[in-house]
Amino acid sequence: MNIFKIEYNWYGGDHDEILLGKNVETEEFEKDLINAKKFSESLMGIEIKDGEYLGKGYRIQCLPEFYEQIIWFLTSELNYLKCYYDGNINYNIDDDSNKKIEIIKVKKKIERSEIK
């Protein structure tokens, strides 16, 4: 399975990103992404009713809405999977001197405190 990261940055600091996975080559993903973009563009100015696509009742006319429709198309119509990655947890495989395999969970912890 290949994992592809899709994201957008909009004014005012609005940002979103997602990882999508599917057993396809990069070239096929790029074709699918172009088709999803065309689908999203086809909704421009169309009122979406409950049960249609994302069903949020707005006209598609801004970047976050295009992004949501692209993700919807890729996951609902082309069967890409949403993937989640927690960069704060790692699993290390190691062996000890007794020839036993160990699995060690490493979790990053951030502590904040004011310095006075």
PDB file of N, CA and C in Angstrom:
ATOM      1  N   MET A   1       0.848  -1.169   0.000  1.00  0.00           N
ATOM      2  CA  MET A   1       0.000   0.000   0.000  1.00  0.00           C
ATOM      3  C   MET A   1       0.896   1.234   0.000  1.00  0.00           C
ATOM      4  N   ASN A   2       0.520   2.217  -0.785  1.00  0.00           N
ATOM      5  CA  ASN A   2       1.222   3.496  -0.787  1.00  0.00           C
ATOM      6  C   ASN A   2       0.400   4.523  -0.031  1.00  0.00           C
ATOM      7  N   ILE A   3       1.087   5.414   0.637  1.00  0.00           N
ATOM      8  CA  ILE A   3       0.452   6.470   1.420  1.00  0.00           C
ATOM      9  C   ILE A   3       0.745   7.809   0.737  1.00  0.00           C
ATOM     10  N   PHE A   4      -0.310   8.613   0.575  1.00  0.00           N
ATOM     11  CA  PHE A   4      -0.189   9.910  -0.068  1.00  0.00           C
ATOM     12  C   PHE A   4      -0.719  10.981   0.885  1.00  0.00           C
ATOM     13  N   LYS A   5       0.013  12.069   1.012  1.00  0.00           N
ATOM     14  CA  LYS A   5      -0.390  13.165   1.891  1.00  0.00           C
ATOM     15  C   LYS A   5      -1.001  14.273   1.041  1.00  0.00           C
ATOM     16  N   ILE A   6      -2.197  14.713   1.426  1.00  0.00           N
ATOM     17  CA  ILE A   6      -2.886  15.809   0.757  1.00  0.00           C
ATOM     18  C   ILE A   6      -3.140  16.882   1.810  1.00  0.00           C
ATOM     19  N   GLU A   7      -2.882  18.124   1.443  1.00  0.00           N
ATOM     20  CA  GLU A   7      -3.084  19.209   2.408  1.00  0.00           C
ATOM     21  C   GLU A   7      -3.448  20.492   1.695  1.00  0.00           C
ATOM     22  N   TYR A   8      -3.960  21.447   2.469  1.00  0.00           N
ATOM     23  CA  TYR A   8      -4.179  22.794   1.946  1.00  0.00           C
ATOM     24  C   TYR A   8      -3.834  23.803   3.027  1.00  0.00           C
ATOM     25  N   ASN A   9      -3.464  24.985   2.596  1.00  0.00           N
ATOM     26  CA  ASN A   9      -3.242  26.137   3.467  1.00  0.00           C
ATOM     27  C   ASN A   9      -4.073  27.280   2.919  1.00  0.00           C
ATOM     28  N   TRP A  10      -4.869  27.862   3.775  1.00  0.00           N
ATOM     29  CA  TRP A  10      -5.753  28.939   3.361  1.00  0.00           C
ATOM     30  C   TRP A  10      -5.450  30.141   4.225  1.00  0.00           C
ATOM     31  N   TYR A  11      -5.931  31.276   3.797  1.00  0.00           N
ATOM     32  CA  TYR A  11      -5.644  32.484   4.570  1.00  0.00           C
ATOM     33  C   TYR A  11      -6.239  32.373   5.976  1.00  0.00           C
ATOM     34  N   GLY A  12      -5.688  33.147   6.879  1.00  0.00           N
ATOM     35  CA  GLY A  12      -6.140  33.107   8.268  1.00  0.00           C
ATOM     36  C   GLY A  12      -5.610  31.910   9.029  1.00  0.00           C
ATOM     37  N   GLY A  13      -4.680  31.186   8.437  1.00  0.00           N
ATOM     38  CA  GLY A  13      -4.077  30.054   9.130  1.00  0.00           C
ATOM     39  C   GLY A  13      -4.847  28.755   9.025  1.00  0.00           C
ATOM     40  N   ASP A  14      -5.957  28.739   8.269  1.00  0.00           N
ATOM     41  CA  ASP A  14      -6.730  27.508   8.107  1.00  0.00           C
ATOM     42  C   ASP A  14      -5.877  26.484   7.362  1.00  0.00           C
ATOM     43  N   HIS A  15      -5.758  25.308   7.927  1.00  0.00           N
ATOM     44  CA  HIS A  15      -4.917  24.255   7.361  1.00  0.00           C
ATOM     45  C   HIS A  15      -5.531  22.899   7.677  1.00  0.00           C
ATOM     46  N   ASP A  16      -5.406  21.990   6.741  1.00  0.00           N
ATOM     47  CA  ASP A  16      -5.802  20.609   7.004  1.00  0.00           C
ATOM     48  C   ASP A  16      -4.910  19.714   6.157  1.00  0.00           C
ATOM     49  N   GLU A  17      -4.721  18.505   6.636  1.00  0.00           N
ATOM     50  CA  GLU A  17      -3.953  17.515   5.884  1.00  0.00           C
ATOM     51  C   GLU A  17      -4.479  16.143   6.234  1.00  0.00           C
ATOM     52  N   ILE A  18      -4.306  15.229   5.293  1.00  0.00           N
ATOM     53  CA  ILE A  18      -4.760  13.860   5.510  1.00  0.00           C
ATOM     54  C   ILE A  18      -3.821  12.915   4.767  1.00  0.00           C
ATOM     55  N   LEU A  19      -3.708  11.725   5.286  1.00  0.00           N
ATOM     56  CA  LEU A  19      -2.964  10.667   4.616  1.00  0.00           C
ATOM     57  C   LEU A  19      -3.985   9.700   4.024  1.00  0.00           C
ATOM     58  N   LEU A  20      -3.835   9.405   2.730  1.00  0.00           N
ATOM     59  CA  LEU A  20      -4.709   8.448   2.067  1.00  0.00           C
ATOM     60  C   LEU A  20      -3.867   7.286   1.577  1.00  0.00           C
ATOM     61  N   GLY A  21      -4.379   6.081   1.728  1.00  0.00           N
ATOM     62  CA  GLY A  21      -3.637   4.903   1.314  1.00  0.00           C
ATOM     63  C   GLY A  21      -4.409   4.049   0.337  1.00  0.00           C
ATOM     64  N   LYS A  22      -3.671   3.492  -0.607  1.00  0.00           N
ATOM     65  CA  LYS A  22      -4.251   2.548  -1.568  1.00  0.00           C
ATOM     66  C   LYS A  22      -3.105   1.860  -2.295  1.00  0.00           C
ATOM     67  N   ASN A  23      -3.351   0.657  -2.758  1.00  0.00           N
ATOM     68  CA  ASN A  23      -2.324  -0.093  -3.465  1.00  0.00           C
ATOM     69  C   ASN A  23      -2.299   0.345  -4.935  1.00  0.00           C
ATOM     70  N   VAL A  24      -1.807   1.568  -5.164  1.00  0.00           N
ATOM     71  CA  VAL A  24      -1.669   2.115  -6.515  1.00  0.00           C
ATOM     72  C   VAL A  24      -0.313   2.795  -6.630  1.00  0.00           C
ATOM     73  N   GLU A  25       0.151   2.913  -7.848  1.00  0.00           N
ATOM     74  CA  GLU A  25       1.393   3.643  -8.098  1.00  0.00           C
ATOM     75  C   GLU A  25       1.111   5.141  -8.082  1.00  0.00           C
ATOM     76  N   THR A  26       2.149   5.926  -7.943  1.00  0.00           N
ATOM     77  CA  THR A  26       2.024   7.377  -7.867  1.00  0.00           C
ATOM     78  C   THR A  26       1.301   7.944  -9.083  1.00  0.00           C
ATOM     79  N   GLU A  27       1.606   7.427 -10.260  1.00  0.00           N
ATOM     80  CA  GLU A  27       0.980   7.937 -11.481  1.00  0.00           C
ATOM     81  C   GLU A  27      -0.535   7.740 -11.463  1.00  0.00           C
ATOM     82  N   GLU A  28      -0.992   6.583 -10.974  1.00  0.00           N
ATOM     83  CA  GLU A  28      -2.434   6.340 -10.892  1.00  0.00           C
ATOM     84  C   GLU A  28      -3.079   7.258  -9.854  1.00  0.00           C
ATOM     85  N   PHE A  29      -2.397   7.440  -8.723  1.00  0.00           N
ATOM     86  CA  PHE A  29      -2.920   8.349  -7.710  1.00  0.00           C
ATOM     87  C   PHE A  29      -3.070   9.756  -8.281  1.00  0.00           C
ATOM     88  N   GLU A  30      -2.075  10.208  -9.026  1.00  0.00           N
ATOM     89  CA  GLU A  30      -2.131  11.552  -9.596  1.00  0.00           C
ATOM     90  C   GLU A  30      -3.292  11.691 -10.579  1.00  0.00           C
ATOM     91  N   LYS A  31      -3.571  10.654 -11.366  1.00  0.00           N
ATOM     92  CA  LYS A  31      -4.728  10.680 -12.263  1.00  0.00           C
ATOM     93  C   LYS A  31      -6.023  10.735 -11.458  1.00  0.00           C
ATOM     94  N   ASP A  32      -6.085   9.930 -10.385  1.00  0.00           N
ATOM     95  CA  ASP A  32      -7.269   9.942  -9.523  1.00  0.00           C
ATOM     96  C   ASP A  32      -7.456  11.308  -8.878  1.00  0.00           C
ATOM     97  N   LEU A  33      -6.359  11.920  -8.461  1.00  0.00           N
ATOM     98  CA  LEU A  33      -6.428  13.234  -7.831  1.00  0.00           C
ATOM     99  C   LEU A  33      -6.940  14.282  -8.821  1.00  0.00           C
ATOM    100  N   ILE A  34      -6.492  14.202 -10.059  1.00  0.00           N
ATOM    101  CA  ILE A  34      -6.983  15.131 -11.087  1.00  0.00           C
ATOM    102  C   ILE A  34      -8.479  14.923 -11.309  1.00  0.00           C
ATOM    103  N   ASN A  35      -8.932  13.661 -11.351  1.00  0.00           N
ATOM    104  CA  ASN A  35     -10.364  13.385 -11.505  1.00  0.00           C
ATOM    105  C   ASN A  35     -11.158  13.902 -10.311  1.00  0.00           C
ATOM    106  N   ALA A  36     -10.610  13.769  -9.121  1.00  0.00           N
ATOM    107  CA  ALA A  36     -11.284  14.283  -7.920  1.00  0.00           C
ATOM    108  C   ALA A  36     -11.371  15.811  -7.975  1.00  0.00           C
ATOM    109  N   LYS A  37     -10.324  16.451  -8.464  1.00  0.00           N
ATOM    110  CA  LYS A  37     -10.321  17.914  -8.612  1.00  0.00           C
ATOM    111  C   LYS A  37     -11.400  18.340  -9.609  1.00  0.00           C
ATOM    112  N   LYS A  38     -11.484  17.641 -10.739  1.00  0.00           N
ATOM    113  CA  LYS A  38     -12.512  17.967 -11.740  1.00  0.00           C
ATOM    114  C   LYS A  38     -13.904  17.784 -11.157  1.00  0.00           C
ATOM    115  N   PHE A  39     -14.098  16.721 -10.369  1.00  0.00           N
ATOM    116  CA  PHE A  39     -15.381  16.500  -9.713  1.00  0.00           C
ATOM    117  C   PHE A  39     -15.712  17.673  -8.792  1.00  0.00           C
ATOM    118  N   SER A  40     -14.747  18.076  -7.983  1.00  0.00           N
ATOM    119  CA  SER A  40     -14.959  19.183  -7.056  1.00  0.00           C
ATOM    120  C   SER A  40     -15.288  20.475  -7.810  1.00  0.00           C
ATOM    121  N   GLU A  41     -14.561  20.718  -8.882  1.00  0.00           N
ATOM    122  CA  GLU A  41     -14.823  21.926  -9.678  1.00  0.00           C
ATOM    123  C   GLU A  41     -16.216  21.890 -10.302  1.00  0.00           C
ATOM    124  N   SER A  42     -16.712  20.701 -10.626  1.00  0.00           N
ATOM    125  CA  SER A  42     -18.041  20.595 -11.237  1.00  0.00           C
ATOM    126  C   SER A  42     -19.149  20.989 -10.265  1.00  0.00           C
ATOM    127  N   LEU A  43     -18.846  21.009  -8.984  1.00  0.00           N
ATOM    128  CA  LEU A  43     -19.840  21.372  -7.963  1.00  0.00           C
ATOM    129  C   LEU A  43     -19.866  22.875  -7.682  1.00  0.00           C
ATOM    130  N   MET A  44     -18.962  23.618  -8.300  1.00  0.00           N
ATOM    131  CA  MET A  44     -18.863  25.046  -8.028  1.00  0.00           C
ATOM    132  C   MET A  44     -20.216  25.725  -8.274  1.00  0.00           C
ATOM    133  N   GLY A  45     -20.723  26.393  -7.255  1.00  0.00           N
ATOM    134  CA  GLY A  45     -21.977  27.127  -7.356  1.00  0.00           C
ATOM    135  C   GLY A  45     -23.228  26.286  -7.230  1.00  0.00           C
ATOM    136  N   ILE A  46     -23.089  24.969  -7.086  1.00  0.00           N
ATOM    137  CA  ILE A  46     -24.260  24.099  -6.970  1.00  0.00           C
ATOM    138  C   ILE A  46     -24.606  23.934  -5.499  1.00  0.00           C
ATOM    139  N   GLU A  47     -25.871  24.108  -5.170  1.00  0.00           N
ATOM    140  CA  GLU A  47     -26.286  23.908  -3.785  1.00  0.00           C
ATOM    141  C   GLU A  47     -26.339  22.414  -3.497  1.00  0.00           C
ATOM    142  N   ILE A  48     -25.701  22.023  -2.426  1.00  0.00           N
ATOM    143  CA  ILE A  48     -25.644  20.604  -2.047  1.00  0.00           C
ATOM    144  C   ILE A  48     -26.686  20.362  -0.960  1.00  0.00           C
ATOM    145  N   LYS A  49     -27.536  19.377  -1.191  1.00  0.00           N
ATOM    146  CA  LYS A  49     -28.598  19.068  -0.238  1.00  0.00           C
ATOM    147  C   LYS A  49     -28.170  17.890   0.624  1.00  0.00           C
ATOM    148  N   ASP A  50     -28.897  17.682   1.720  1.00  0.00           N
ATOM    149  CA  ASP A  50     -28.618  16.538   2.595  1.00  0.00           C
ATOM    150  C   ASP A  50     -28.557  15.247   1.803  1.00  0.00           C
ATOM    151  N   GLY A  51     -27.576  14.447   2.075  1.00  0.00           N
ATOM    152  CA  GLY A  51     -27.432  13.163   1.422  1.00  0.00           C
ATOM    153  C   GLY A  51     -26.639  13.216   0.132  1.00  0.00           C
ATOM    154  N   GLU A  52     -26.370  14.399  -0.386  1.00  0.00           N
ATOM    155  CA  GLU A  52     -25.574  14.529  -1.607  1.00  0.00           C
ATOM    156  C   GLU A  52     -24.146  14.854  -1.221  1.00  0.00           C
ATOM    157  N   TYR A  53     -23.237  14.059  -1.664  1.00  0.00           N
ATOM    158  CA  TYR A  53     -21.825  14.276  -1.397  1.00  0.00           C
ATOM    159  C   TYR A  53     -21.643  14.513   0.096  1.00  0.00           C
ATOM    160  N   LEU A  54     -21.106  15.647   0.496  1.00  0.00           N
ATOM    161  CA  LEU A  54     -20.940  15.899   1.931  1.00  0.00           C
ATOM    162  C   LEU A  54     -22.222  16.430   2.566  1.00  0.00           C
ATOM    163  N   GLY A  55     -23.185  16.887   1.755  1.00  0.00           N
ATOM    164  CA  GLY A  55     -24.491  17.306   2.261  1.00  0.00           C
ATOM    165  C   GLY A  55     -24.465  18.432   3.259  1.00  0.00           C
ATOM    166  N   LYS A  56     -23.631  19.448   3.041  1.00  0.00           N
ATOM    167  CA  LYS A  56     -23.532  20.529   4.017  1.00  0.00           C
ATOM    168  C   LYS A  56     -24.373  21.745   3.641  1.00  0.00           C
ATOM    169  N   GLY A  57     -25.083  21.683   2.524  1.00  0.00           N
ATOM    170  CA  GLY A  57     -26.019  22.742   2.165  1.00  0.00           C
ATOM    171  C   GLY A  57     -25.380  24.031   1.695  1.00  0.00           C
ATOM    172  N   TYR A  58     -24.171  24.009   1.223  1.00  0.00           N
ATOM    173  CA  TYR A  58     -23.547  25.225   0.727  1.00  0.00           C
ATOM    174  C   TYR A  58     -23.178  25.065  -0.736  1.00  0.00           C
ATOM    175  N   ARG A  59     -22.852  26.188  -1.335  1.00  0.00           N
ATOM    176  CA  ARG A  59     -22.340  26.153  -2.701  1.00  0.00           C
ATOM    177  C   ARG A  59     -20.823  26.059  -2.626  1.00  0.00           C
ATOM    178  N   ILE A  60     -20.238  25.173  -3.393  1.00  0.00           N
ATOM    179  CA  ILE A  60     -18.791  24.966  -3.367  1.00  0.00           C
ATOM    180  C   ILE A  60     -18.118  26.183  -3.974  1.00  0.00           C
ATOM    181  N   GLN A  61     -17.401  26.931  -3.149  1.00  0.00           N
ATOM    182  CA  GLN A  61     -16.777  28.134  -3.679  1.00  0.00           C
ATOM    183  C   GLN A  61     -15.526  28.581  -2.935  1.00  0.00           C
ATOM    184  N   CYS A  62     -15.014  27.763  -2.042  1.00  0.00           N
ATOM    185  CA  CYS A  62     -13.767  28.151  -1.387  1.00  0.00           C
ATOM    186  C   CYS A  62     -12.883  26.926  -1.184  1.00  0.00           C
ATOM    187  N   LEU A  63     -11.616  27.169  -0.963  1.00  0.00           N
ATOM    188  CA  LEU A  63     -10.616  26.106  -0.902  1.00  0.00           C
ATOM    189  C   LEU A  63     -10.949  24.986   0.092  1.00  0.00           C
ATOM    190  N   PRO A  64     -11.326  25.284   1.350  1.00  0.00           N
ATOM    191  CA  PRO A  64     -11.642  24.169   2.263  1.00  0.00           C
ATOM    192  C   PRO A  64     -12.775  23.277   1.750  1.00  0.00           C
ATOM    193  N   GLU A  65     -13.760  23.873   1.073  1.00  0.00           N
ATOM    194  CA  GLU A  65     -14.865  23.084   0.536  1.00  0.00           C
ATOM    195  C   GLU A  65     -14.402  22.221  -0.641  1.00  0.00           C
ATOM    196  N   PHE A  66     -13.563  22.780  -1.514  1.00  0.00           N
ATOM    197  CA  PHE A  66     -13.000  21.977  -2.605  1.00  0.00           C
ATOM    198  C   PHE A  66     -12.210  20.804  -2.038  1.00  0.00           C
ATOM    199  N   TYR A  67     -11.397  21.088  -1.039  1.00  0.00           N
ATOM    200  CA  TYR A  67     -10.564  20.060  -0.396  1.00  0.00           C
ATOM    201  C   TYR A  67     -11.439  18.933   0.150  1.00  0.00           C
ATOM    202  N   GLU A  68     -12.496  19.284   0.880  1.00  0.00           N
ATOM    203  CA  GLU A  68     -13.374  18.271   1.466  1.00  0.00           C
ATOM    204  C   GLU A  68     -14.018  17.404   0.395  1.00  0.00           C
ATOM    205  N   GLN A  69     -14.435  18.022  -0.706  1.00  0.00           N
ATOM    206  CA  GLN A  69     -15.062  17.253  -1.782  1.00  0.00           C
ATOM    207  C   GLN A  69     -14.048  16.347  -2.474  1.00  0.00           C
ATOM    208  N   ILE A  70     -12.813  16.815  -2.633  1.00  0.00           N
ATOM    209  CA  ILE A  70     -11.762  15.978  -3.224  1.00  0.00           C
ATOM    210  C   ILE A  70     -11.518  14.752  -2.348  1.00  0.00           C
ATOM    211  N   ILE A  71     -11.413  14.968  -1.042  1.00  0.00           N
ATOM    212  CA  ILE A  71     -11.200  13.842  -0.119  1.00  0.00           C
ATOM    213  C   ILE A  71     -12.398  12.899  -0.164  1.00  0.00           C
ATOM    214  N   TRP A  72     -13.611  13.466  -0.175  1.00  0.00           N
ATOM    215  CA  TRP A  72     -14.815  12.634  -0.255  1.00  0.00           C
ATOM    216  C   TRP A  72     -14.767  11.759  -1.503  1.00  0.00           C
ATOM    217  N   PHE A  73     -14.445  12.360  -2.646  1.00  0.00           N
ATOM    218  CA  PHE A  73     -14.412  11.622  -3.907  1.00  0.00           C
ATOM    219  C   PHE A  73     -13.388  10.493  -3.856  1.00  0.00           C
ATOM    220  N   LEU A  74     -12.194  10.792  -3.373  1.00  0.00           N
ATOM    221  CA  LEU A  74     -11.137   9.777  -3.324  1.00  0.00           C
ATOM    222  C   LEU A  74     -11.497   8.624  -2.386  1.00  0.00           C
ATOM    223  N   THR A  75     -12.124   8.930  -1.239  1.00  0.00           N
ATOM    224  CA  THR A  75     -12.440   7.877  -0.271  1.00  0.00           C
ATOM    225  C   THR A  75     -13.744   7.152  -0.603  1.00  0.00           C
ATOM    226  N   SER A  76     -14.766   7.885  -1.034  1.00  0.00           N
ATOM    227  CA  SER A  76     -16.076   7.269  -1.271  1.00  0.00           C
ATOM    228  C   SER A  76     -16.216   6.647  -2.651  1.00  0.00           C
ATOM    229  N   GLU A  77     -15.651   7.289  -3.652  1.00  0.00           N
ATOM    230  CA  GLU A  77     -15.822   6.809  -5.017  1.00  0.00           C
ATOM    231  C   GLU A  77     -14.660   5.943  -5.506  1.00  0.00           C
ATOM    232  N   LEU A  78     -13.441   6.199  -5.007  1.00  0.00           N
ATOM    233  CA  LEU A  78     -12.265   5.476  -5.506  1.00  0.00           C
ATOM    234  C   LEU A  78     -11.628   4.578  -4.445  1.00  0.00           C
ATOM    235  N   ASN A  79     -12.264   4.460  -3.291  1.00  0.00           N
ATOM    236  CA  ASN A  79     -11.874   3.516  -2.237  1.00  0.00           C
ATOM    237  C   ASN A  79     -10.487   3.727  -1.642  1.00  0.00           C
ATOM    238  N   TYR A  80     -10.040   4.977  -1.572  1.00  0.00           N
ATOM    239  CA  TYR A  80      -8.819   5.255  -0.821  1.00  0.00           C
ATOM    240  C   TYR A  80      -9.163   5.172   0.663  1.00  0.00           C
ATOM    241  N   LEU A  81      -8.205   4.806   1.474  1.00  0.00           N
ATOM    242  CA  LEU A  81      -8.404   4.692   2.916  1.00  0.00           C
ATOM    243  C   LEU A  81      -7.784   5.884   3.621  1.00  0.00           C
ATOM    244  N   LYS A  82      -8.493   6.421   4.611  1.00  0.00           N
ATOM    245  CA  LYS A  82      -7.901   7.457   5.453  1.00  0.00           C
ATOM    246  C   LYS A  82      -6.942   6.771   6.417  1.00  0.00           C
ATOM    247  N   CYS A  83      -5.729   7.286   6.491  1.00  0.00           N
ATOM    248  CA  CYS A  83      -4.701   6.700   7.341  1.00  0.00           C
ATOM    249  C   CYS A  83      -4.313   7.720   8.408  1.00  0.00           C
ATOM    250  N   TYR A  84      -4.070   7.238   9.586  1.00  0.00           N
ATOM    251  CA  TYR A  84      -3.701   8.118  10.690  1.00  0.00           C
ATOM    252  C   TYR A  84      -2.357   7.680  11.239  1.00  0.00           C
ATOM    253  N   TYR A  85      -1.520   8.642  11.517  1.00  0.00           N
ATOM    254  CA  TYR A  85      -0.175   8.364  12.006  1.00  0.00           C
ATOM    255  C   TYR A  85       0.069   9.183  13.264  1.00  0.00           C
ATOM    256  N   ASP A  86       0.437   8.525  14.325  1.00  0.00           N
ATOM    257  CA  ASP A  86       0.782   9.201  15.575  1.00  0.00           C
ATOM    258  C   ASP A  86       2.301   9.240  15.668  1.00  0.00           C
ATOM    259  N   GLY A  87       2.872  10.386  15.345  1.00  0.00           N
ATOM    260  CA  GLY A  87       4.319  10.546  15.359  1.00  0.00           C
ATOM    261  C   GLY A  87       4.922  10.550  16.749  1.00  0.00           C
ATOM    262  N   ASN A  88       4.080  10.493  17.780  1.00  0.00           N
ATOM    263  CA  ASN A  88       4.576  10.504  19.156  1.00  0.00           C
ATOM    264  C   ASN A  88       4.791   9.102  19.716  1.00  0.00           C
ATOM    265  N   ILE A  89       4.419   8.078  18.949  1.00  0.00           N
ATOM    266  CA  ILE A  89       4.593   6.699  19.419  1.00  0.00           C
ATOM    267  C   ILE A  89       5.392   5.915  18.386  1.00  0.00           C
ATOM    268  N   ASN A  90       6.401   5.208  18.871  1.00  0.00           N
ATOM    269  CA  ASN A  90       7.204   4.318  18.035  1.00  0.00           C
ATOM    270  C   ASN A  90       7.306   2.966  18.728  1.00  0.00           C
ATOM    271  N   TYR A  91       7.440   1.914  17.946  1.00  0.00           N
ATOM    272  CA  TYR A  91       7.640   0.577  18.485  1.00  0.00           C
ATOM    273  C   TYR A  91       9.000   0.092  18.002  1.00  0.00           C
ATOM    274  N   ASN A  92       9.898  -0.153  18.918  1.00  0.00           N
ATOM    275  CA  ASN A  92      11.250  -0.602  18.591  1.00  0.00           C
ATOM    276  C   ASN A  92      11.353  -2.105  18.821  1.00  0.00           C
ATOM    277  N   ILE A  93      11.865  -2.795  17.818  1.00  0.00           N
ATOM    278  CA  ILE A  93      12.110  -4.225  17.921  1.00  0.00           C
ATOM    279  C   ILE A  93      13.595  -4.399  18.219  1.00  0.00           C
ATOM    280  N   ASP A  94      13.895  -5.179  19.253  1.00  0.00           N
ATOM    281  CA  ASP A  94      15.283  -5.358  19.669  1.00  0.00           C
ATOM    282  C   ASP A  94      15.441  -6.788  20.203  1.00  0.00           C
ATOM    283  N   ASP A  95      16.678  -7.195  20.381  1.00  0.00           N
ATOM    284  CA  ASP A  95      16.913  -8.485  21.029  1.00  0.00           C
ATOM    285  C   ASP A  95      17.812  -8.260  22.234  1.00  0.00           C
ATOM    286  N   ASP A  96      17.651  -9.113  23.228  1.00  0.00           N
ATOM    287  CA  ASP A  96      18.492  -8.991  24.415  1.00  0.00           C
ATOM    288  C   ASP A  96      19.556 -10.086  24.400  1.00  0.00           C
ATOM    289  N   SER A  97      20.358 -10.152  25.427  1.00  0.00           N
ATOM    290  CA  SER A  97      21.472 -11.110  25.474  1.00  0.00           C
ATOM    291  C   SER A  97      20.995 -12.562  25.565  1.00  0.00           C
ATOM    292  N   ASN A  98      19.744 -12.792  25.940  1.00  0.00           N
ATOM    293  CA  ASN A  98      19.208 -14.154  26.050  1.00  0.00           C
ATOM    294  C   ASN A  98      18.538 -14.615  24.753  1.00  0.00           C
ATOM    295  N   LYS A  99      18.791 -13.905  23.672  1.00  0.00           N
ATOM    296  CA  LYS A  99      18.226 -14.249  22.358  1.00  0.00           C
ATOM    297  C   LYS A  99      16.705 -14.173  22.337  1.00  0.00           C
ATOM    298  N   LYS A 100      16.157 -13.284  23.139  1.00  0.00           N
ATOM    299  CA  LYS A 100      14.728 -13.045  23.111  1.00  0.00           C
ATOM    300  C   LYS A 100      14.472 -11.725  22.372  1.00  0.00           C
ATOM    301  N   ILE A 101      13.374 -11.710  21.656  1.00  0.00           N
ATOM    302  CA  ILE A 101      12.993 -10.498  20.931  1.00  0.00           C
ATOM    303  C   ILE A 101      12.144  -9.632  21.863  1.00  0.00           C
ATOM    304  N   GLU A 102      12.463  -8.363  21.905  1.00  0.00           N
ATOM    305  CA  GLU A 102      11.702  -7.406  22.715  1.00  0.00           C
ATOM    306  C   GLU A 102      10.996  -6.417  21.801  1.00  0.00           C
ATOM    307  N   ILE A 103       9.828  -6.027  22.206  1.00  0.00           N
ATOM    308  CA  ILE A 103       9.119  -4.928  21.559  1.00  0.00           C
ATOM    309  C   ILE A 103       8.961  -3.838  22.609  1.00  0.00           C
ATOM    310  N   ILE A 104       9.525  -2.693  22.308  1.00  0.00           N
ATOM    311  CA  ILE A 104       9.521  -1.586  23.264  1.00  0.00           C
ATOM    312  C   ILE A 104       8.715  -0.428  22.675  1.00  0.00           C
ATOM    313  N   LYS A 105       7.734  -0.005  23.425  1.00  0.00           N
ATOM    314  CA  LYS A 105       6.918   1.138  23.012  1.00  0.00           C
ATOM    315  C   LYS A 105       7.570   2.406  23.545  1.00  0.00           C
ATOM    316  N   VAL A 106       7.826   3.342  22.640  1.00  0.00           N
ATOM    317  CA  VAL A 106       8.435   4.617  23.013  1.00  0.00           C
ATOM    318  C   VAL A 106       7.411   5.705  22.727  1.00  0.00           C
ATOM    319  N   LYS A 107       7.028   6.431  23.758  1.00  0.00           N
ATOM    320  CA  LYS A 107       6.034   7.490  23.615  1.00  0.00           C
ATOM    321  C   LYS A 107       6.656   8.809  24.028  1.00  0.00           C
ATOM    322  N   LYS A 108       6.620   9.781  23.116  1.00  0.00           N
ATOM    323  CA  LYS A 108       7.155  11.099  23.419  1.00  0.00           C
ATOM    324  C   LYS A 108       6.168  11.842  24.307  1.00  0.00           C
ATOM    325  N   LYS A 109       6.711  12.549  25.268  1.00  0.00           N
ATOM    326  CA  LYS A 109       5.871  13.313  26.188  1.00  0.00           C
ATOM    327  C   LYS A 109       6.391  14.733  26.208  1.00  0.00           C
ATOM    328  N   ILE A 110       5.497  15.684  26.073  1.00  0.00           N
ATOM    329  CA  ILE A 110       5.878  17.088  26.132  1.00  0.00           C
ATOM    330  C   ILE A 110       5.337  17.674  27.426  1.00  0.00           C
ATOM    331  N   GLU A 111       6.221  18.265  28.165  1.00  0.00           N
ATOM    332  CA  GLU A 111       5.816  18.946  29.397  1.00  0.00           C
ATOM    333  C   GLU A 111       6.091  20.430  29.243  1.00  0.00           C
ATOM    334  N   ARG A 112       5.113  21.232  29.582  1.00  0.00           N
ATOM    335  CA  ARG A 112       5.248  22.678  29.506  1.00  0.00           C
ATOM    336  C   ARG A 112       5.167  23.256  30.901  1.00  0.00           C
ATOM    337  N   SER A 113       6.052  24.180  31.178  1.00  0.00           N
ATOM    338  CA  SER A 113       5.970  24.895  32.436  1.00  0.00           C
ATOM    339  C   SER A 113       6.619  26.257  32.247  1.00  0.00           C
ATOM    340  N   GLU A 114       6.076  27.187  32.938  1.00  0.00           N
ATOM    341  CA  GLU A 114       6.590  28.549  32.858  1.00  0.00           C
ATOM    342  C   GLU A 114       7.874  28.655  33.686  1.00  0.00           C
ATOM    343  N   ILE A 115       8.853  29.296  33.120  1.00  0.00           N
ATOM    344  CA  ILE A 115      10.099  29.547  33.849  1.00  0.00           C
ATOM    345  C   ILE A 115      10.026  30.947  34.421  1.00  0.00           C
ATOM    346  N   LYS A 116      10.222  31.021  35.728  1.00  0.00           N
ATOM    347  CA  LYS A 116      10.127  32.345  36.399  1.00  0.00           C
ATOM    348  C   LYS A 116      11.470  32.772  36.895  1.00  0.00           C
TER     349      LYS A 116
END
